[in-house]
PDB file of all heavy atoms in Angstrom:
ATOM      1  N   VAL A   1      86.462  20.585 130.780  1.00  0.00           N
ATOM      2  CA  VAL A   1      86.708  19.454 129.927  1.00  0.00           C
ATOM      3  C   VAL A   1      87.169  18.255 130.761  1.00  0.00           C
ATOM      4  O   VAL A   1      86.688  17.093 130.552  1.00  0.00           O
ATOM      5  CB  VAL A   1      87.855  19.797 128.887  1.00  0.00           C
ATOM      6  CG1 VAL A   1      88.228  18.572 128.078  1.00  0.00           C
ATOM      7  CG2 VAL A   1      87.354  20.897 127.983  1.00  0.00           C
ATOM      8  N   VAL A   2      88.017  18.454 131.747  1.00  0.00           N
ATOM      9  CA  VAL A   2      88.476  17.368 132.622  1.00  0.00           C
ATOM     10  C   VAL A   2      87.339  16.765 133.343  1.00  0.00           C
ATOM     11  O   VAL A   2      87.146  15.524 133.446  1.00  0.00           O
ATOM     12  CB  VAL A   2      89.551  17.862 133.610  1.00  0.00           C
ATOM     13  CG1 VAL A   2      89.887  16.776 134.634  1.00  0.00           C
ATOM     14  CG2 VAL A   2      90.806  18.248 132.851  1.00  0.00           C
ATOM     15  N   ALA A   3      86.475  17.606 133.990  1.00  0.00           N
ATOM     16  CA  ALA A   3      85.291  17.097 134.724  1.00  0.00           C
ATOM     17  C   ALA A   3      84.330  16.363 133.830  1.00  0.00           C
ATOM     18  O   ALA A   3      83.740  15.311 134.233  1.00  0.00           O
ATOM     19  CB  ALA A   3      84.589  18.247 135.409  1.00  0.00           C
ATOM     20  N   ASN A   4      84.209  16.775 132.573  1.00  0.00           N
ATOM     21  CA  ASN A   4      83.302  16.111 131.664  1.00  0.00           C
ATOM     22  C   ASN A   4      83.849  14.716 131.303  1.00  0.00           C
ATOM     23  O   ASN A   4      83.058  13.723 131.269  1.00  0.00           O
ATOM     24  CB  ASN A   4      83.177  16.958 130.364  1.00  0.00           C
ATOM     25  CG  ASN A   4      81.864  16.678 129.609  1.00  0.00           C
ATOM     26  OD1 ASN A   4      80.769  16.655 130.249  1.00  0.00           O
ATOM     27  ND2 ASN A   4      81.936  16.497 128.332  1.00  0.00           N
ATOM     28  N   ILE A   5      85.129  14.596 131.060  1.00  0.00           N
ATOM     29  CA  ILE A   5      85.698  13.261 130.752  1.00  0.00           C
ATOM     30  C   ILE A   5      85.578  12.350 131.962  1.00  0.00           C
ATOM     31  O   ILE A   5      85.340  11.117 131.831  1.00  0.00           O
ATOM     32  CB  ILE A   5      87.159  13.460 130.299  1.00  0.00           C
ATOM     33  CG1 ILE A   5      87.271  14.271 129.032  1.00  0.00           C
ATOM     34  CG2 ILE A   5      87.831  12.071 130.073  1.00  0.00           C
ATOM     35  CD1 ILE A   5      88.680  14.610 128.629  1.00  0.00           C
ATOM     36  N   GLU A   6      85.744  12.909 133.142  1.00  0.00           N
ATOM     37  CA  GLU A   6      85.712  12.082 134.351  1.00  0.00           C
ATOM     38  C   GLU A   6      84.300  11.559 134.647  1.00  0.00           C
ATOM     39  O   GLU A   6      84.147  10.676 135.535  1.00  0.00           O
ATOM     40  CB  GLU A   6      86.239  12.832 135.559  1.00  0.00           C
ATOM     41  CG  GLU A   6      87.748  13.019 135.494  1.00  0.00           C
ATOM     42  CD  GLU A   6      88.333  13.630 136.761  1.00  0.00           C
ATOM     43  OE1 GLU A   6      87.717  14.597 137.278  1.00  0.00           O
ATOM     44  OE2 GLU A   6      89.341  13.131 137.203  1.00  0.00           O
ATOM     45  N   GLN A   7      83.281  12.006 133.943  1.00  0.00           N
ATOM     46  CA  GLN A   7      81.980  11.358 134.060  1.00  0.00           C
ATOM     47  C   GLN A   7      81.989   9.974 133.463  1.00  0.00           C
ATOM     48  O   GLN A   7      81.157   9.155 133.828  1.00  0.00           O
ATOM     49  CB  GLN A   7      80.936  12.232 133.305  1.00  0.00           C
ATOM     50  CG  GLN A   7      80.699  13.607 133.899  1.00  0.00           C
ATOM     51  CD  GLN A   7      79.622  14.376 133.172  1.00  0.00           C
ATOM     52  OE1 GLN A   7      78.618  13.770 132.700  1.00  0.00           O
ATOM     53  NE2 GLN A   7      79.808  15.637 133.054  1.00  0.00           N
ATOM     54  N   VAL A   8      82.966   9.738 132.576  1.00  0.00           N
ATOM     55  CA  VAL A   8      83.094   8.437 131.864  1.00  0.00           C
ATOM     56  C   VAL A   8      84.273   7.644 132.430  1.00  0.00           C
ATOM     57  O   VAL A   8      84.157   6.425 132.648  1.00  0.00           O
ATOM     58  CB  VAL A   8      83.234   8.642 130.394  1.00  0.00           C
ATOM     59  CG1 VAL A   8      83.408   7.343 129.687  1.00  0.00           C
ATOM     60  CG2 VAL A   8      82.050   9.407 129.827  1.00  0.00           C
ATOM     61  N   ILE A   9      85.387   8.300 132.672  1.00  0.00           N
ATOM     62  CA  ILE A   9      86.612   7.631 133.164  1.00  0.00           C
ATOM     63  C   ILE A   9      86.748   7.862 134.641  1.00  0.00           C
ATOM     64  O   ILE A   9      86.944   8.961 135.077  1.00  0.00           O
ATOM     65  CB  ILE A   9      87.843   8.145 132.417  1.00  0.00           C
ATOM     66  CG1 ILE A   9      87.638   8.038 130.883  1.00  0.00           C
ATOM     67  CG2 ILE A   9      89.088   7.453 132.896  1.00  0.00           C
ATOM     68  CD1 ILE A   9      87.524   6.639 130.406  1.00  0.00           C
ATOM     69  N   GLU A  10      86.576   6.784 135.398  1.00  0.00           N
ATOM     70  CA  GLU A  10      86.586   6.918 136.844  1.00  0.00           C
ATOM     71  C   GLU A  10      87.996   6.760 137.431  1.00  0.00           C
ATOM     72  O   GLU A  10      88.755   5.859 137.059  1.00  0.00           O
ATOM     73  CB  GLU A  10      85.729   5.808 137.488  1.00  0.00           C
ATOM     74  CG  GLU A  10      84.312   5.797 137.053  1.00  0.00           C
ATOM     75  CD  GLU A  10      83.439   6.835 137.762  1.00  0.00           C
ATOM     76  OE1 GLU A  10      83.967   7.420 138.722  1.00  0.00           O
ATOM     77  OE2 GLU A  10      82.314   7.103 137.327  1.00  0.00           O
ATOM     78  N   GLY A  11      88.385   7.697 138.347  1.00  0.00           N
ATOM     79  CA  GLY A  11      89.598   7.574 139.151  1.00  0.00           C
ATOM     80  C   GLY A  11      90.896   7.693 138.348  1.00  0.00           C
ATOM     81  O   GLY A  11      91.917   7.168 138.785  1.00  0.00           O
ATOM     82  N   LYS A  12      90.886   8.375 137.200  1.00  0.00           N
ATOM     83  CA  LYS A  12      92.083   8.535 136.413  1.00  0.00           C
ATOM     84  C   LYS A  12      92.328  10.041 136.078  1.00  0.00           C
ATOM     85  O   LYS A  12      92.571  10.397 134.951  1.00  0.00           O
ATOM     86  CB  LYS A  12      91.971   7.759 135.094  1.00  0.00           C
ATOM     87  CG  LYS A  12      91.805   6.254 135.281  1.00  0.00           C
ATOM     88  CD  LYS A  12      93.095   5.632 135.838  1.00  0.00           C
ATOM     89  CE  LYS A  12      92.989   4.142 136.008  1.00  0.00           C
ATOM     90  NZ  LYS A  12      94.207   3.559 136.564  1.00  0.00           N
ATOM     91  N   THR A  13      92.312  10.851 137.112  1.00  0.00           N
ATOM     92  CA  THR A  13      92.433  12.291 136.913  1.00  0.00           C
ATOM     93  C   THR A  13      93.763  12.646 136.222  1.00  0.00           C
ATOM     94  O   THR A  13      93.813  13.441 135.301  1.00  0.00           O
ATOM     95  CB  THR A  13      92.318  13.044 138.184  1.00  0.00           C
ATOM     96  OG1 THR A  13      91.015  12.744 138.799  1.00  0.00           O
ATOM     97  CG2 THR A  13      92.378  14.577 138.003  1.00  0.00           C
ATOM     98  N   ALA A  14      94.859  12.072 136.716  1.00  0.00           N
ATOM     99  CA  ALA A  14      96.157  12.368 136.154  1.00  0.00           C
ATOM    100  C   ALA A  14      96.279  12.006 134.688  1.00  0.00           C
ATOM    101  O   ALA A  14      96.831  12.751 133.877  1.00  0.00           O
ATOM    102  CB  ALA A  14      97.269  11.673 136.955  1.00  0.00           C
ATOM    103  N   THR A  15      95.701  10.861 134.322  1.00  0.00           N
ATOM    104  CA  THR A  15      95.746  10.401 132.931  1.00  0.00           C
ATOM    105  C   THR A  15      94.864  11.346 132.066  1.00  0.00           C
ATOM    106  O   THR A  15      95.266  11.690 130.953  1.00  0.00           O
ATOM    107  CB  THR A  15      95.230   8.979 132.857  1.00  0.00           C
ATOM    108  OG1 THR A  15      96.011   8.117 133.655  1.00  0.00           O
ATOM    109  CG2 THR A  15      95.227   8.459 131.405  1.00  0.00           C
ATOM    110  N   VAL A  16      93.728  11.739 132.567  1.00  0.00           N
ATOM    111  CA  VAL A  16      92.848  12.607 131.826  1.00  0.00           C
ATOM    112  C   VAL A  16      93.479  13.969 131.564  1.00  0.00           C
ATOM    113  O   VAL A  16      93.495  14.529 130.515  1.00  0.00           O
ATOM    114  CB  VAL A  16      91.512  12.791 132.540  1.00  0.00           C
ATOM    115  CG1 VAL A  16      90.671  13.886 131.908  1.00  0.00           C
ATOM    116  CG2 VAL A  16      90.739  11.459 132.549  1.00  0.00           C
ATOM    117  N   ARG A  17      94.166  14.492 132.598  1.00  0.00           N
ATOM    118  CA  ARG A  17      94.814  15.788 132.491  1.00  0.00           C
ATOM    119  C   ARG A  17      96.012  15.718 131.502  1.00  0.00           C
ATOM    120  O   ARG A  17      96.252  16.669 130.764  1.00  0.00           O
ATOM    121  CB  ARG A  17      95.279  16.286 133.871  1.00  0.00           C
ATOM    122  CG  ARG A  17      94.118  16.672 134.789  1.00  0.00           C
ATOM    123  CD  ARG A  17      94.614  17.059 136.154  1.00  0.00           C
ATOM    124  NE  ARG A  17      95.362  18.332 136.126  1.00  0.00           N
ATOM    125  CZ  ARG A  17      94.818  19.532 136.258  1.00  0.00           C
ATOM    126  NH1 ARG A  17      93.469  19.605 136.346  1.00  0.00           N
ATOM    127  NH2 ARG A  17      95.515  20.615 136.219  1.00  0.00           N
ATOM    128  N   LEU A  18      96.715  14.585 131.502  1.00  0.00           N
ATOM    129  CA  LEU A  18      97.820  14.473 130.578  1.00  0.00           C
ATOM    130  C   LEU A  18      97.293  14.367 129.152  1.00  0.00           C
ATOM    131  O   LEU A  18      97.899  14.987 128.227  1.00  0.00           O
ATOM    132  CB  LEU A  18      98.663  13.219 130.889  1.00  0.00           C
ATOM    133  CG  LEU A  18      99.826  12.918 130.014  1.00  0.00           C
ATOM    134  CD1 LEU A  18     100.773  14.102 129.922  1.00  0.00           C
ATOM    135  CD2 LEU A  18     100.566  11.693 130.459  1.00  0.00           C
ATOM    136  N   ALA A  19      96.180  13.689 128.926  1.00  0.00           N
ATOM    137  CA  ALA A  19      95.654  13.619 127.597  1.00  0.00           C
ATOM    138  C   ALA A  19      95.233  15.018 127.095  1.00  0.00           C
ATOM    139  O   ALA A  19      95.417  15.411 125.933  1.00  0.00           O
ATOM    140  CB  ALA A  19      94.391  12.715 127.607  1.00  0.00           C
ATOM    141  N   LEU A  20      94.590  15.814 128.001  1.00  0.00           N
ATOM    142  CA  LEU A  20      94.252  17.176 127.611  1.00  0.00           C
ATOM    143  C   LEU A  20      95.482  18.051 127.392  1.00  0.00           C
ATOM    144  O   LEU A  20      95.525  18.891 126.470  1.00  0.00           O
ATOM    145  CB  LEU A  20      93.413  17.805 128.702  1.00  0.00           C
ATOM    146  CG  LEU A  20      92.957  19.262 128.523  1.00  0.00           C
ATOM    147  CD1 LEU A  20      92.155  19.402 127.222  1.00  0.00           C
ATOM    148  CD2 LEU A  20      92.142  19.776 129.713  1.00  0.00           C
ATOM    149  N   ALA A  21      96.566  17.819 128.187  1.00  0.00           N
ATOM    150  CA  ALA A  21      97.800  18.586 127.999  1.00  0.00           C
ATOM    151  C   ALA A  21      98.369  18.267 126.638  1.00  0.00           C
ATOM    152  O   ALA A  21      98.940  19.199 125.975  1.00  0.00           O
ATOM    153  CB  ALA A  21      98.796  18.218 129.108  1.00  0.00           C
ATOM    154  N   VAL A  22      98.330  17.051 126.180  1.00  0.00           N
ATOM    155  CA  VAL A  22      98.878  16.719 124.834  1.00  0.00           C
ATOM    156  C   VAL A  22      98.098  17.441 123.755  1.00  0.00           C
ATOM    157  O   VAL A  22      98.670  17.904 122.754  1.00  0.00           O
ATOM    158  CB  VAL A  22      98.828  15.204 124.602  1.00  0.00           C
ATOM    159  CG1 VAL A  22      99.148  14.840 123.163  1.00  0.00           C
ATOM    160  CG2 VAL A  22      99.796  14.495 125.581  1.00  0.00           C
ATOM    161  N   LEU A  23      96.725  17.507 123.903  1.00  0.00           N
ATOM    162  CA  LEU A  23      95.923  18.260 122.943  1.00  0.00           C
ATOM    163  C   LEU A  23      96.309  19.713 122.897  1.00  0.00           C
ATOM    164  O   LEU A  23      96.483  20.296 121.818  1.00  0.00           O
ATOM    165  CB  LEU A  23      94.461  18.114 123.315  1.00  0.00           C
ATOM    166  CG  LEU A  23      93.458  19.042 122.540  1.00  0.00           C
ATOM    167  CD1 LEU A  23      93.471  18.653 121.065  1.00  0.00           C
ATOM    168  CD2 LEU A  23      92.051  18.905 123.124  1.00  0.00           C
ATOM    169  N   LEU A  24      96.506  20.368 124.071  1.00  0.00           N
ATOM    170  CA  LEU A  24      96.875  21.779 124.102  1.00  0.00           C
ATOM    171  C   LEU A  24      98.278  22.010 123.671  1.00  0.00           C
ATOM    172  O   LEU A  24      98.638  23.167 123.339  1.00  0.00           O
ATOM    173  CB  LEU A  24      96.636  22.305 125.559  1.00  0.00           C
ATOM    174  CG  LEU A  24      95.205  22.192 126.083  1.00  0.00           C
ATOM    175  CD1 LEU A  24      95.066  22.858 127.430  1.00  0.00           C
ATOM    176  CD2 LEU A  24      94.202  22.735 125.068  1.00  0.00           C
ATOM    177  N   ALA A  25      99.133  20.947 123.730  1.00  0.00           N
ATOM    178  CA  ALA A  25     100.520  21.092 123.221  1.00  0.00           C
ATOM    179  C   ALA A  25     100.596  20.834 121.722  1.00  0.00           C
ATOM    180  O   ALA A  25     101.699  20.765 121.179  1.00  0.00           O
ATOM    181  CB  ALA A  25     101.416  20.134 123.980  1.00  0.00           C
ATOM    182  N   GLU A  26      99.446  20.630 121.086  1.00  0.00           N
ATOM    183  CA  GLU A  26      99.364  20.407 119.675  1.00  0.00           C
ATOM    184  C   GLU A  26     100.079  19.089 119.270  1.00  0.00           C
ATOM    185  O   GLU A  26     100.773  19.059 118.266  1.00  0.00           O
ATOM    186  CB  GLU A  26      99.926  21.596 118.828  1.00  0.00           C
ATOM    187  CG  GLU A  26      99.195  22.899 119.125  1.00  0.00           C
ATOM    188  CD  GLU A  26      99.842  24.077 118.443  1.00  0.00           C
ATOM    189  OE1 GLU A  26      99.519  24.316 117.235  1.00  0.00           O
ATOM    190  OE2 GLU A  26     100.695  24.727 119.091  1.00  0.00           O
ATOM    191  N   GLY A  27      99.914  18.093 120.135  1.00  0.00           N
ATOM    192  CA  GLY A  27     100.599  16.831 119.905  1.00  0.00           C
ATOM    193  C   GLY A  27      99.609  15.720 119.625  1.00  0.00           C
ATOM    194  O   GLY A  27      98.403  15.953 119.405  1.00  0.00           O
ATOM    195  N   HIS A  28     100.086  14.502 119.687  1.00  0.00           N
ATOM    196  CA  HIS A  28      99.292  13.326 119.443  1.00  0.00           C
ATOM    197  C   HIS A  28      99.550  12.333 120.563  1.00  0.00           C
ATOM    198  O   HIS A  28     100.623  12.280 121.150  1.00  0.00           O
ATOM    199  CB  HIS A  28      99.671  12.689 118.091  1.00  0.00           C
ATOM    200  CG  HIS A  28      99.647  13.658 116.927  1.00  0.00           C
ATOM    201  ND1 HIS A  28      98.471  14.138 116.427  1.00  0.00           N
ATOM    202  CD2 HIS A  28     100.664  14.276 116.285  1.00  0.00           C
ATOM    203  CE1 HIS A  28      98.765  15.035 115.429  1.00  0.00           C
ATOM    204  NE2 HIS A  28     100.073  15.118 115.381  1.00  0.00           N
ATOM    205  N   LEU A  29      98.559  11.479 120.838  1.00  0.00           N
ATOM    206  CA  LEU A  29      98.564  10.635 122.002  1.00  0.00           C
ATOM    207  C   LEU A  29      98.456   9.152 121.615  1.00  0.00           C
ATOM    208  O   LEU A  29      97.607   8.769 120.808  1.00  0.00           O
ATOM    209  CB  LEU A  29      97.404  11.014 122.952  1.00  0.00           C
ATOM    210  CG  LEU A  29      97.358  10.255 124.269  1.00  0.00           C
ATOM    211  CD1 LEU A  29      98.516  10.631 125.175  1.00  0.00           C
ATOM    212  CD2 LEU A  29      96.047  10.634 125.015  1.00  0.00           C
ATOM    213  N   LEU A  30      99.331   8.344 122.198  1.00  0.00           N
ATOM    214  CA  LEU A  30      99.322   6.875 122.022  1.00  0.00           C
ATOM    215  C   LEU A  30      98.898   6.255 123.353  1.00  0.00           C
ATOM    216  O   LEU A  30      99.599   6.435 124.379  1.00  0.00           O
ATOM    217  CB  LEU A  30     100.648   6.356 121.567  1.00  0.00           C
ATOM    218  CG  LEU A  30     100.767   4.838 121.386  1.00  0.00           C
ATOM    219  CD1 LEU A  30      99.823   4.361 120.277  1.00  0.00           C
ATOM    220  CD2 LEU A  30     102.195   4.433 121.057  1.00  0.00           C
TER     221      LEU A  30
END
């Protein structure tokens, strides 16, 4: 999932992983 998102979002690995972490924590992201 992270690698797939990084095809679109360049150079933001930490941000992408945090967004995925919020999904897996059953939360919501602003």
